[in-house]
mmCIF file of all heavy atoms, coordinates in Angstrom:
data_MODEL
# 
_entry.id   MODEL 
# 
loop_
_atom_site.group_PDB 
_atom_site.id 
_atom_site.type_symbol 
_atom_site.label_atom_id 
_atom_site.label_alt_id 
_atom_site.label_comp_id 
_atom_site.label_asym_id 
_atom_site.label_entity_id 
_atom_site.label_seq_id 
_atom_site.pdbx_PDB_ins_code 
_atom_site.Cartn_x 
_atom_site.Cartn_y 
_atom_site.Cartn_z 
_atom_site.occupancy 
_atom_site.B_iso_or_equiv 
_atom_site.pdbx_formal_charge 
_atom_site.auth_seq_id 
_atom_site.auth_comp_id 
_atom_site.auth_asym_id 
_atom_site.auth_atom_id 
_atom_site.pdbx_PDB_model_num 
ATOM 1   N N   . SER A 1 1  ? 17.617 27.260 -16.946 1.00 0.00 ? 1  SER A N   1 
ATOM 2   C CA  . SER A 1 1  ? 18.110 25.918 -17.104 1.00 0.00 ? 1  SER A CA  1 
ATOM 3   C C   . SER A 1 1  ? 17.403 24.962 -16.094 1.00 0.00 ? 1  SER A C   1 
ATOM 4   O O   . SER A 1 1  ? 16.839 25.430 -15.112 1.00 0.00 ? 1  SER A O   1 
ATOM 5   C CB  . SER A 1 1  ? 19.602 25.798 -16.913 1.00 0.00 ? 1  SER A CB  1 
ATOM 6   O OG  . SER A 1 1  ? 19.815 25.482 -15.585 1.00 0.00 ? 1  SER A OG  1 
ATOM 7   N N   . SER A 1 2  ? 17.416 23.691 -16.334 1.00 0.00 ? 2  SER A N   1 
ATOM 8   C CA  . SER A 1 2  ? 16.688 22.816 -15.456 1.00 0.00 ? 2  SER A CA  1 
ATOM 9   C C   . SER A 1 2  ? 17.482 22.563 -14.179 1.00 0.00 ? 2  SER A C   1 
ATOM 10  O O   . SER A 1 2  ? 16.869 22.270 -13.154 1.00 0.00 ? 2  SER A O   1 
ATOM 11  C CB  . SER A 1 2  ? 16.510 21.432 -16.191 1.00 0.00 ? 2  SER A CB  1 
ATOM 12  O OG  . SER A 1 2  ? 17.754 20.938 -16.513 1.00 0.00 ? 2  SER A OG  1 
ATOM 13  N N   . SER A 1 3  ? 18.772 22.633 -14.178 1.00 0.00 ? 3  SER A N   1 
ATOM 14  C CA  . SER A 1 3  ? 19.384 22.516 -12.957 1.00 0.00 ? 3  SER A CA  1 
ATOM 15  C C   . SER A 1 3  ? 19.925 23.834 -12.481 1.00 0.00 ? 3  SER A C   1 
ATOM 16  O O   . SER A 1 3  ? 19.285 24.675 -12.284 1.00 0.00 ? 3  SER A O   1 
ATOM 17  C CB  . SER A 1 3  ? 20.652 21.558 -13.044 1.00 0.00 ? 3  SER A CB  1 
ATOM 18  O OG  . SER A 1 3  ? 21.243 21.727 -14.326 1.00 0.00 ? 3  SER A OG  1 
ATOM 19  N N   . ALA A 1 4  ? 20.963 24.289 -12.313 1.00 0.00 ? 4  ALA A N   1 
ATOM 20  C CA  . ALA A 1 4  ? 21.170 25.694 -11.900 1.00 0.00 ? 4  ALA A CA  1 
ATOM 21  C C   . ALA A 1 4  ? 22.332 26.196 -12.652 1.00 0.00 ? 4  ALA A C   1 
ATOM 22  O O   . ALA A 1 4  ? 22.325 26.583 -13.602 1.00 0.00 ? 4  ALA A O   1 
ATOM 23  C CB  . ALA A 1 4  ? 21.384 25.854 -10.494 1.00 0.00 ? 4  ALA A CB  1 
ATOM 24  N N   . GLN A 1 5  ? 23.448 26.442 -12.657 1.00 0.00 ? 5  GLN A N   1 
ATOM 25  C CA  . GLN A 1 5  ? 24.452 26.590 -13.626 1.00 0.00 ? 5  GLN A CA  1 
ATOM 26  C C   . GLN A 1 5  ? 25.794 26.491 -12.984 1.00 0.00 ? 5  GLN A C   1 
ATOM 27  O O   . GLN A 1 5  ? 25.882 26.543 -11.763 1.00 0.00 ? 5  GLN A O   1 
ATOM 28  C CB  . GLN A 1 5  ? 24.408 27.969 -14.345 1.00 0.00 ? 5  GLN A CB  1 
ATOM 29  C CG  . GLN A 1 5  ? 23.323 27.889 -15.304 1.00 0.00 ? 5  GLN A CG  1 
ATOM 30  C CD  . GLN A 1 5  ? 23.071 29.226 -15.832 1.00 0.00 ? 5  GLN A CD  1 
ATOM 31  O OE1 . GLN A 1 5  ? 23.099 29.601 -16.948 1.00 0.00 ? 5  GLN A OE1 1 
ATOM 32  N NE2 . GLN A 1 5  ? 22.750 30.100 -15.046 1.00 0.00 ? 5  GLN A NE2 1 
ATOM 33  N N   . SER A 1 6  ? 26.856 26.251 -13.725 1.00 0.00 ? 6  SER A N   1 
ATOM 34  C CA  . SER A 1 6  ? 27.886 25.715 -13.014 1.00 0.00 ? 6  SER A CA  1 
ATOM 35  C C   . SER A 1 6  ? 29.303 26.057 -13.273 1.00 0.00 ? 6  SER A C   1 
ATOM 36  O O   . SER A 1 6  ? 29.636 26.771 -14.174 1.00 0.00 ? 6  SER A O   1 
ATOM 37  C CB  . SER A 1 6  ? 27.763 24.223 -13.161 1.00 0.00 ? 6  SER A CB  1 
ATOM 38  O OG  . SER A 1 6  ? 28.946 23.776 -13.770 1.00 0.00 ? 6  SER A OG  1 
ATOM 39  N N   . GLY A 1 7  ? 30.280 25.545 -12.521 1.00 0.00 ? 7  GLY A N   1 
ATOM 40  C CA  . GLY A 1 7  ? 31.626 25.801 -12.713 1.00 0.00 ? 7  GLY A CA  1 
ATOM 41  C C   . GLY A 1 7  ? 32.365 24.493 -12.820 1.00 0.00 ? 7  GLY A C   1 
ATOM 42  O O   . GLY A 1 7  ? 31.917 23.547 -12.341 1.00 0.00 ? 7  GLY A O   1 
ATOM 43  N N   . GLY A 1 8  ? 33.552 24.365 -13.303 1.00 0.00 ? 8  GLY A N   1 
ATOM 44  C CA  . GLY A 1 8  ? 34.203 23.173 -13.580 1.00 0.00 ? 8  GLY A CA  1 
ATOM 45  C C   . GLY A 1 8  ? 34.716 22.358 -12.428 1.00 0.00 ? 8  GLY A C   1 
ATOM 46  O O   . GLY A 1 8  ? 34.046 22.052 -11.473 1.00 0.00 ? 8  GLY A O   1 
ATOM 47  N N   . SER A 1 9  ? 36.000 21.887 -12.439 1.00 0.00 ? 9  SER A N   1 
ATOM 48  C CA  . SER A 1 9  ? 36.490 21.077 -11.359 1.00 0.00 ? 9  SER A CA  1 
ATOM 49  C C   . SER A 1 9  ? 36.666 21.973 -10.107 1.00 0.00 ? 9  SER A C   1 
ATOM 50  O O   . SER A 1 9  ? 36.399 23.176 -10.141 1.00 0.00 ? 9  SER A O   1 
ATOM 51  C CB  . SER A 1 9  ? 37.831 20.538 -11.764 1.00 0.00 ? 9  SER A CB  1 
ATOM 52  O OG  . SER A 1 9  ? 38.758 21.587 -11.864 1.00 0.00 ? 9  SER A OG  1 
ATOM 53  N N   . THR A 1 10 ? 37.185 21.373 -9.024  1.00 0.00 ? 10 THR A N   1 
ATOM 54  C CA  . THR A 1 10 ? 37.383 22.263 -7.886  1.00 0.00 ? 10 THR A CA  1 
ATOM 55  C C   . THR A 1 10 ? 38.635 22.994 -7.894  1.00 0.00 ? 10 THR A C   1 
ATOM 56  O O   . THR A 1 10 ? 38.958 23.698 -6.901  1.00 0.00 ? 10 THR A O   1 
ATOM 57  C CB  . THR A 1 10 ? 37.346 21.248 -6.637  1.00 0.00 ? 10 THR A CB  1 
ATOM 58  O OG1 . THR A 1 10 ? 38.367 20.264 -6.779  1.00 0.00 ? 10 THR A OG1 1 
ATOM 59  C CG2 . THR A 1 10 ? 36.012 20.632 -6.448  1.00 0.00 ? 10 THR A CG2 1 
ATOM 60  N N   . SER A 1 11 ? 39.324 22.925 -9.002  1.00 0.00 ? 11 SER A N   1 
ATOM 61  C CA  . SER A 1 11 ? 40.550 23.803 -9.128  1.00 0.00 ? 11 SER A CA  1 
ATOM 62  C C   . SER A 1 11 ? 40.161 25.188 -9.479  1.00 0.00 ? 11 SER A C   1 
ATOM 63  O O   . SER A 1 11 ? 39.006 25.415 -9.876  1.00 0.00 ? 11 SER A O   1 
ATOM 64  C CB  . SER A 1 11 ? 41.520 23.231 -10.114 1.00 0.00 ? 11 SER A CB  1 
ATOM 65  O OG  . SER A 1 11 ? 40.841 23.268 -11.437 1.00 0.00 ? 11 SER A OG  1 
ATOM 66  N N   . PRO A 1 12 ? 41.029 26.222 -9.354  1.00 0.00 ? 12 PRO A N   1 
ATOM 67  C CA  . PRO A 1 12 ? 40.700 27.595 -9.713  1.00 0.00 ? 12 PRO A CA  1 
ATOM 68  C C   . PRO A 1 12 ? 40.186 27.659 -11.129 1.00 0.00 ? 12 PRO A C   1 
ATOM 69  O O   . PRO A 1 12 ? 39.383 28.531 -11.453 1.00 0.00 ? 12 PRO A O   1 
ATOM 70  C CB  . PRO A 1 12 ? 41.946 28.401 -9.503  1.00 0.00 ? 12 PRO A CB  1 
ATOM 71  C CG  . PRO A 1 12 ? 42.699 27.600 -8.458  1.00 0.00 ? 12 PRO A CG  1 
ATOM 72  C CD  . PRO A 1 12 ? 42.370 26.150 -8.720  1.00 0.00 ? 12 PRO A CD  1 
ATOM 73  N N   . GLN A 1 13 ? 40.643 26.821 -12.060 1.00 0.00 ? 13 GLN A N   1 
ATOM 74  C CA  . GLN A 1 13 ? 40.191 26.932 -13.420 1.00 0.00 ? 13 GLN A CA  1 
ATOM 75  C C   . GLN A 1 13 ? 39.160 25.918 -13.677 1.00 0.00 ? 13 GLN A C   1 
ATOM 76  O O   . GLN A 1 13 ? 39.361 24.696 -13.655 1.00 0.00 ? 13 GLN A O   1 
ATOM 77  C CB  . GLN A 1 13 ? 41.350 26.634 -14.412 1.00 0.00 ? 13 GLN A CB  1 
ATOM 78  C CG  . GLN A 1 13 ? 42.524 27.646 -14.135 1.00 0.00 ? 13 GLN A CG  1 
ATOM 79  C CD  . GLN A 1 13 ? 43.729 27.228 -15.038 1.00 0.00 ? 13 GLN A CD  1 
ATOM 80  O OE1 . GLN A 1 13 ? 43.801 26.097 -15.532 1.00 0.00 ? 13 GLN A OE1 1 
ATOM 81  N NE2 . GLN A 1 13 ? 44.631 28.149 -15.152 1.00 0.00 ? 13 GLN A NE2 1 
ATOM 82  N N   . GLY A 1 14 ? 37.914 26.354 -14.034 1.00 0.00 ? 14 GLY A N   1 
ATOM 83  C CA  . GLY A 1 14 ? 36.890 25.447 -14.313 1.00 0.00 ? 14 GLY A CA  1 
ATOM 84  C C   . GLY A 1 14 ? 36.466 24.652 -13.159 1.00 0.00 ? 14 GLY A C   1 
ATOM 85  O O   . GLY A 1 14 ? 36.855 23.482 -12.955 1.00 0.00 ? 14 GLY A O   1 
ATOM 86  N N   . SER A 1 15 ? 35.580 25.159 -12.270 1.00 0.00 ? 15 SER A N   1 
ATOM 87  C CA  . SER A 1 15 ? 35.342 24.504 -11.027 1.00 0.00 ? 15 SER A CA  1 
ATOM 88  C C   . SER A 1 15 ? 34.051 23.663 -11.021 1.00 0.00 ? 15 SER A C   1 
ATOM 89  O O   . SER A 1 15 ? 33.252 23.742 -11.909 1.00 0.00 ? 15 SER A O   1 
ATOM 90  C CB  . SER A 1 15 ? 35.072 25.583 -9.983  1.00 0.00 ? 15 SER A CB  1 
ATOM 91  O OG  . SER A 1 15 ? 34.239 26.593 -10.547 1.00 0.00 ? 15 SER A OG  1 
ATOM 92  N N   . SER A 1 16 ? 33.850 22.880 -10.055 1.00 0.00 ? 16 SER A N   1 
ATOM 93  C CA  . SER A 1 16 ? 32.665 22.076 -9.852  1.00 0.00 ? 16 SER A CA  1 
ATOM 94  C C   . SER A 1 16 ? 31.565 22.995 -9.363  1.00 0.00 ? 16 SER A C   1 
ATOM 95  O O   . SER A 1 16 ? 31.827 24.113 -8.990  1.00 0.00 ? 16 SER A O   1 
ATOM 96  C CB  . SER A 1 16 ? 32.808 20.851 -8.908  1.00 0.00 ? 16 SER A CB  1 
ATOM 97  O OG  . SER A 1 16 ? 32.998 21.414 -7.636  1.00 0.00 ? 16 SER A OG  1 
ATOM 98  N N   . SER A 1 17 ? 30.319 22.491 -9.241  1.00 0.00 ? 17 SER A N   1 
ATOM 99  C CA  . SER A 1 17 ? 29.276 23.409 -8.878  1.00 0.00 ? 17 SER A CA  1 
ATOM 100 C C   . SER A 1 17 ? 28.155 22.786 -8.255  1.00 0.00 ? 17 SER A C   1 
ATOM 101 O O   . SER A 1 17 ? 27.994 21.627 -8.096  1.00 0.00 ? 17 SER A O   1 
ATOM 102 C CB  . SER A 1 17 ? 28.763 24.092 -10.120 1.00 0.00 ? 17 SER A CB  1 
ATOM 103 O OG  . SER A 1 17 ? 28.415 23.098 -11.088 1.00 0.00 ? 17 SER A OG  1 
ATOM 104 N N   . SER A 1 18 ? 27.277 23.607 -7.653  1.00 0.00 ? 18 SER A N   1 
ATOM 105 C CA  . SER A 1 18 ? 26.016 23.162 -7.009  1.00 0.00 ? 18 SER A CA  1 
ATOM 106 C C   . SER A 1 18 ? 25.073 24.284 -6.817  1.00 0.00 ? 18 SER A C   1 
ATOM 107 O O   . SER A 1 18 ? 25.504 25.420 -6.739  1.00 0.00 ? 18 SER A O   1 
ATOM 108 C CB  . SER A 1 18 ? 26.379 22.539 -5.648  1.00 0.00 ? 18 SER A CB  1 
ATOM 109 O OG  . SER A 1 18 ? 26.495 23.561 -4.646  1.00 0.00 ? 18 SER A OG  1 
ATOM 110 N N   . ALA A 1 19 ? 23.815 23.965 -6.753  1.00 0.00 ? 19 ALA A N   1 
ATOM 111 C CA  . ALA A 1 19 ? 22.868 25.019 -6.626  1.00 0.00 ? 19 ALA A CA  1 
ATOM 112 C C   . ALA A 1 19 ? 22.800 25.444 -5.127  1.00 0.00 ? 19 ALA A C   1 
ATOM 113 O O   . ALA A 1 19 ? 23.177 24.763 -4.252  1.00 0.00 ? 19 ALA A O   1 
ATOM 114 C CB  . ALA A 1 19 ? 21.471 24.506 -7.029  1.00 0.00 ? 19 ALA A CB  1 
ATOM 115 N N   . GLY A 1 20 ? 22.234 26.684 -4.877  1.00 0.00 ? 20 GLY A N   1 
ATOM 116 C CA  . GLY A 1 20 ? 22.107 27.136 -3.536  1.00 0.00 ? 20 GLY A CA  1 
ATOM 117 C C   . GLY A 1 20 ? 22.196 28.625 -3.552  1.00 0.00 ? 20 GLY A C   1 
ATOM 118 O O   . GLY A 1 20 ? 22.190 29.284 -4.622  1.00 0.00 ? 20 GLY A O   1 
ATOM 119 N N   . ALA A 1 21 ? 22.268 29.225 -2.326  1.00 0.00 ? 21 ALA A N   1 
ATOM 120 C CA  . ALA A 1 21 ? 22.260 30.668 -2.238  1.00 0.00 ? 21 ALA A CA  1 
ATOM 121 C C   . ALA A 1 21 ? 23.666 31.203 -2.500  1.00 0.00 ? 21 ALA A C   1 
ATOM 122 O O   . ALA A 1 21 ? 24.623 30.407 -2.371  1.00 0.00 ? 21 ALA A O   1 
ATOM 123 C CB  . ALA A 1 21 ? 21.778 31.099 -0.825  1.00 0.00 ? 21 ALA A CB  1 
ATOM 124 N N   . ALA A 1 22 ? 23.710 32.446 -2.882  1.00 0.00 ? 22 ALA A N   1 
ATOM 125 C CA  . ALA A 1 22 ? 25.052 33.045 -3.069  1.00 0.00 ? 22 ALA A CA  1 
ATOM 126 C C   . ALA A 1 22 ? 25.846 33.069 -1.720  1.00 0.00 ? 22 ALA A C   1 
ATOM 127 O O   . ALA A 1 22 ? 25.251 33.311 -0.697  1.00 0.00 ? 22 ALA A O   1 
ATOM 128 C CB  . ALA A 1 22 ? 24.935 34.540 -3.537  1.00 0.00 ? 22 ALA A CB  1 
ATOM 129 N N   . THR A 1 23 ? 27.155 32.777 -1.868  1.00 0.00 ? 23 THR A N   1 
ATOM 130 C CA  . THR A 1 23 ? 27.935 32.792 -0.616  1.00 0.00 ? 23 THR A CA  1 
ATOM 131 C C   . THR A 1 23 ? 28.427 34.138 -0.288  1.00 0.00 ? 23 THR A C   1 
ATOM 132 O O   . THR A 1 23 ? 28.920 34.257 0.885   1.00 0.00 ? 23 THR A O   1 
ATOM 133 C CB  . THR A 1 23 ? 29.146 31.836 -0.861  1.00 0.00 ? 23 THR A CB  1 
ATOM 134 O OG1 . THR A 1 23 ? 29.969 32.410 -1.922  1.00 0.00 ? 23 THR A OG1 1 
ATOM 135 C CG2 . THR A 1 23 ? 28.683 30.462 -1.330  1.00 0.00 ? 23 THR A CG2 1 
ATOM 136 N N   . GLY A 1 24 ? 28.476 35.105 -1.161  1.00 0.00 ? 24 GLY A N   1 
ATOM 137 C CA  . GLY A 1 24 ? 29.052 36.392 -0.856  1.00 0.00 ? 24 GLY A CA  1 
ATOM 138 C C   . GLY A 1 24 ? 30.518 36.419 -1.090  1.00 0.00 ? 24 GLY A C   1 
ATOM 139 O O   . GLY A 1 24 ? 31.156 37.483 -1.032  1.00 0.00 ? 24 GLY A O   1 
ATOM 140 N N   . LYS A 1 25 ? 31.118 35.252 -1.416  1.00 0.00 ? 25 LYS A N   1 
ATOM 141 C CA  . LYS A 1 25 ? 32.531 35.163 -1.621  1.00 0.00 ? 25 LYS A CA  1 
ATOM 142 C C   . LYS A 1 25 ? 32.910 35.037 -3.175  1.00 0.00 ? 25 LYS A C   1 
ATOM 143 O O   . LYS A 1 25 ? 32.295 34.153 -3.788  1.00 0.00 ? 25 LYS A O   1 
ATOM 144 C CB  . LYS A 1 25 ? 33.096 34.001 -0.824  1.00 0.00 ? 25 LYS A CB  1 
ATOM 145 C CG  . LYS A 1 25 ? 32.997 34.083 0.643   1.00 0.00 ? 25 LYS A CG  1 
ATOM 146 C CD  . LYS A 1 25 ? 33.502 32.878 1.308   1.00 0.00 ? 25 LYS A CD  1 
ATOM 147 C CE  . LYS A 1 25 ? 33.391 32.925 2.867   1.00 0.00 ? 25 LYS A CE  1 
ATOM 148 N NZ  . LYS A 1 25 ? 33.922 31.686 3.525   1.00 0.00 ? 25 LYS A NZ  1 
ATOM 149 N N   . PRO A 1 26 ? 33.753 35.839 -3.705  1.00 0.00 ? 26 PRO A N   1 
ATOM 150 C CA  . PRO A 1 26 ? 34.014 35.691 -5.114  1.00 0.00 ? 26 PRO A CA  1 
ATOM 151 C C   . PRO A 1 26 ? 34.583 34.308 -5.441  1.00 0.00 ? 26 PRO A C   1 
ATOM 152 O O   . PRO A 1 26 ? 35.240 33.706 -4.632  1.00 0.00 ? 26 PRO A O   1 
ATOM 153 C CB  . PRO A 1 26 ? 35.164 36.775 -5.286  1.00 0.00 ? 26 PRO A CB  1 
ATOM 154 C CG  . PRO A 1 26 ? 34.916 37.758 -4.225  1.00 0.00 ? 26 PRO A CG  1 
ATOM 155 C CD  . PRO A 1 26 ? 34.465 36.969 -3.006  1.00 0.00 ? 26 PRO A CD  1 
ATOM 156 N N   . ARG A 1 27 ? 34.341 33.865 -6.645  1.00 0.00 ? 27 ARG A N   1 
ATOM 157 C CA  . ARG A 1 27 ? 34.769 32.530 -7.058  1.00 0.00 ? 27 ARG A CA  1 
ATOM 158 C C   . ARG A 1 27 ? 35.806 32.733 -8.198  1.00 0.00 ? 27 ARG A C   1 
ATOM 159 O O   . ARG A 1 27 ? 35.902 33.774 -8.814  1.00 0.00 ? 27 ARG A O   1 
ATOM 160 C CB  . ARG A 1 27 ? 33.537 31.726 -7.571  1.00 0.00 ? 27 ARG A CB  1 
ATOM 161 C CG  . ARG A 1 27 ? 32.600 31.359 -6.488  1.00 0.00 ? 27 ARG A CG  1 
ATOM 162 C CD  . ARG A 1 27 ? 33.190 30.439 -5.440  1.00 0.00 ? 27 ARG A CD  1 
ATOM 163 N NE  . ARG A 1 27 ? 32.223 30.118 -4.412  1.00 0.00 ? 27 ARG A NE  1 
ATOM 164 C CZ  . ARG A 1 27 ? 32.446 29.377 -3.445  1.00 0.00 ? 27 ARG A CZ  1 
ATOM 165 N NH1 . ARG A 1 27 ? 33.650 28.719 -3.292  1.00 0.00 ? 27 ARG A NH1 1 
ATOM 166 N NH2 . ARG A 1 27 ? 31.526 29.064 -2.546  1.00 0.00 ? 27 ARG A NH2 1 
ATOM 167 N N   . THR A 1 28 ? 36.544 31.580 -8.402  1.00 0.00 ? 28 THR A N   1 
ATOM 168 C CA  . THR A 1 28 ? 37.651 31.759 -9.375  1.00 0.00 ? 28 THR A CA  1 
ATOM 169 C C   . THR A 1 28 ? 37.642 30.901 -10.595 1.00 0.00 ? 28 THR A C   1 
ATOM 170 O O   . THR A 1 28 ? 38.566 30.879 -11.296 1.00 0.00 ? 28 THR A O   1 
ATOM 171 C CB  . THR A 1 28 ? 39.029 31.506 -8.547  1.00 0.00 ? 28 THR A CB  1 
ATOM 172 O OG1 . THR A 1 28 ? 38.881 30.129 -7.990  1.00 0.00 ? 28 THR A OG1 1 
ATOM 173 C CG2 . THR A 1 28 ? 39.264 32.449 -7.407  1.00 0.00 ? 28 THR A CG2 1 
# 
Protein backbone atom coordinates (compact mmCIF):
# COMPACT_ATOMS: atom_id res chain seq x y z
CA SER A 1 0.00 0.00 0.00
CA SER A 2 1.09 3.58 -0.44
CA SER A 3 0.87 4.42 3.21
CA ALA A 4 1.34 1.61 5.66
CA GLN A 5 -1.76 -0.14 7.08
CA SER A 6 -3.91 0.69 9.90
CA GLY A 7 -6.23 0.30 12.81
CA GLY A 8 -9.36 2.29 13.68
CA SER A 9 -10.01 4.72 16.52
CA THR A 10 -7.91 4.79 19.64
CA SER A 11 -10.42 2.59 21.43
CA PRO A 12 -9.79 -1.17 21.69
CA GLN A 13 -12.18 -1.76 18.80
CA GLY A 14 -10.96 -0.36 15.52
CA SER A 15 -7.94 1.74 16.41
CA SER A 16 -6.13 4.65 14.82
CA SER A 17 -2.80 4.00 13.22
CA SER A 18 0.61 5.19 12.08
CA ALA A 19 3.60 3.84 10.29
CA GLY A 20 6.76 2.91 12.13
CA ALA A 21 8.60 0.02 13.69
CA ALA A 22 6.89 -2.77 15.57
CA THR A 23 6.48 -1.93 19.24
CA GLY A 24 6.65 -5.53 20.45
CA LYS A 25 3.42 -4.95 22.35
CA PRO A 26 0.22 -6.73 21.23
CA ARG A 27 -2.55 -4.46 19.91
CA THR A 28 -6.27 -4.75 20.43
